[in-house]
Protein backbone atom coordinates (compact mmCIF):
# COMPACT_ATOMS: atom_id res chain seq x y z
CA MET A 1 10.66 43.55 8.32
CA ALA A 2 11.53 41.42 5.27
CA THR A 3 9.76 38.15 4.69
CA THR A 4 11.10 35.06 3.00
CA PRO A 5 9.43 34.40 -0.36
CA THR A 6 7.37 31.24 -0.54
CA LEU A 7 8.13 29.25 -3.66
CA ILE A 8 5.80 26.58 -4.92
CA ALA A 9 6.87 23.77 -7.26
CA SER A 10 5.21 25.29 -10.33
CA THR A 11 7.04 28.59 -9.81
CA VAL A 12 10.38 26.84 -9.43
CA MET A 13 9.74 24.79 -12.58
CA ASP A 14 8.71 27.94 -14.47
CA TYR A 15 12.04 29.52 -13.48
CA ALA A 16 13.90 26.38 -14.57
CA ALA A 17 12.16 26.31 -17.97
CA ASN A 18 12.99 29.99 -18.49
CA LEU A 19 16.65 29.38 -17.62
CA LEU A 20 16.66 26.52 -20.15
CA ASN A 21 15.34 28.92 -22.83
CA ASP A 22 11.97 27.16 -22.95
CA SER A 23 9.49 29.70 -21.58
CA ALA A 24 6.58 27.93 -23.29
CA LYS A 25 7.60 24.66 -21.61
CA SER A 26 7.34 22.82 -24.93
CA ILE A 27 10.60 20.90 -24.37
CA TYR A 28 10.61 20.86 -20.56
CA PRO A 29 6.96 20.66 -19.40
CA PHE A 30 6.16 20.02 -15.75
CA ASN A 31 5.97 16.23 -16.18
CA VAL A 32 9.56 16.19 -17.53
CA GLN A 33 10.84 18.44 -14.72
CA ILE A 34 9.18 16.65 -11.78
CA PRO A 35 11.81 13.87 -11.42
CA TYR A 36 14.57 16.51 -11.31
CA LEU A 37 12.63 18.58 -8.78
CA ASN A 38 12.26 15.48 -6.59
CA MET A 39 16.00 14.79 -6.89
CA ALA A 40 16.75 18.37 -5.81
CA LEU A 41 14.35 18.11 -2.86
CA ASN A 42 15.93 14.83 -1.76
CA GLU A 43 19.38 16.40 -1.93
CA LEU A 44 18.18 19.43 0.04
CA GLN A 45 16.62 17.16 2.67
CA GLU A 46 19.91 15.26 3.00
CA TYR A 47 21.82 18.54 3.33
CA PHE A 48 19.47 19.64 6.11
CA GLU A 49 19.81 16.31 7.91
CA LEU A 50 23.62 16.28 7.67
CA ASN A 51 23.82 19.81 9.06
CA ASN A 52 21.10 19.43 11.71
CA ILE A 53 19.01 22.18 10.14
CA PRO A 54 15.39 22.05 11.30
CA VAL A 55 12.80 22.17 8.57
CA THR A 56 9.87 23.40 10.65
CA ASP A 57 9.34 25.10 13.97
CA THR A 58 6.79 22.51 15.09
CA ILE A 59 7.42 19.30 16.96
CA SER A 60 5.99 16.17 15.39
CA THR A 61 4.38 13.32 17.26
CA SER A 62 6.26 10.20 18.24
CA ILE A 63 6.61 7.44 15.67
CA GLU A 64 6.36 3.89 16.93
CA VAL A 65 8.84 1.64 15.15
CA PRO A 66 8.35 -2.13 15.45
CA ALA A 67 11.23 -4.31 16.64
CA ASN A 68 13.79 -5.44 14.03
CA VAL A 69 13.08 -2.48 11.73
CA SER A 70 16.41 -1.05 10.61
CA SER A 71 15.23 2.12 8.84
CA ILE A 72 12.23 4.35 8.34
CA GLY A 73 11.56 6.89 5.61
CA PHE A 74 9.01 9.00 3.81
CA ALA A 75 6.12 7.48 1.89
CA PRO A 76 6.52 7.74 -1.90
């Protein structure tokens, strides 16, 4: 049975630096890549939401939203 590989942020950024011909990460270190990684994660989250793709198999607890609140989101 095949398993899905688990990628962590540092591995993804290592791949990105290699694809940008900067294996030593002298031009594109992690701190330069993090904003782009966050942009990609936000886009992926939006794709999942638009296509009703569940992210986990667990059910979260209820969130109480006060009256007159028009939107909720993730903490920065």
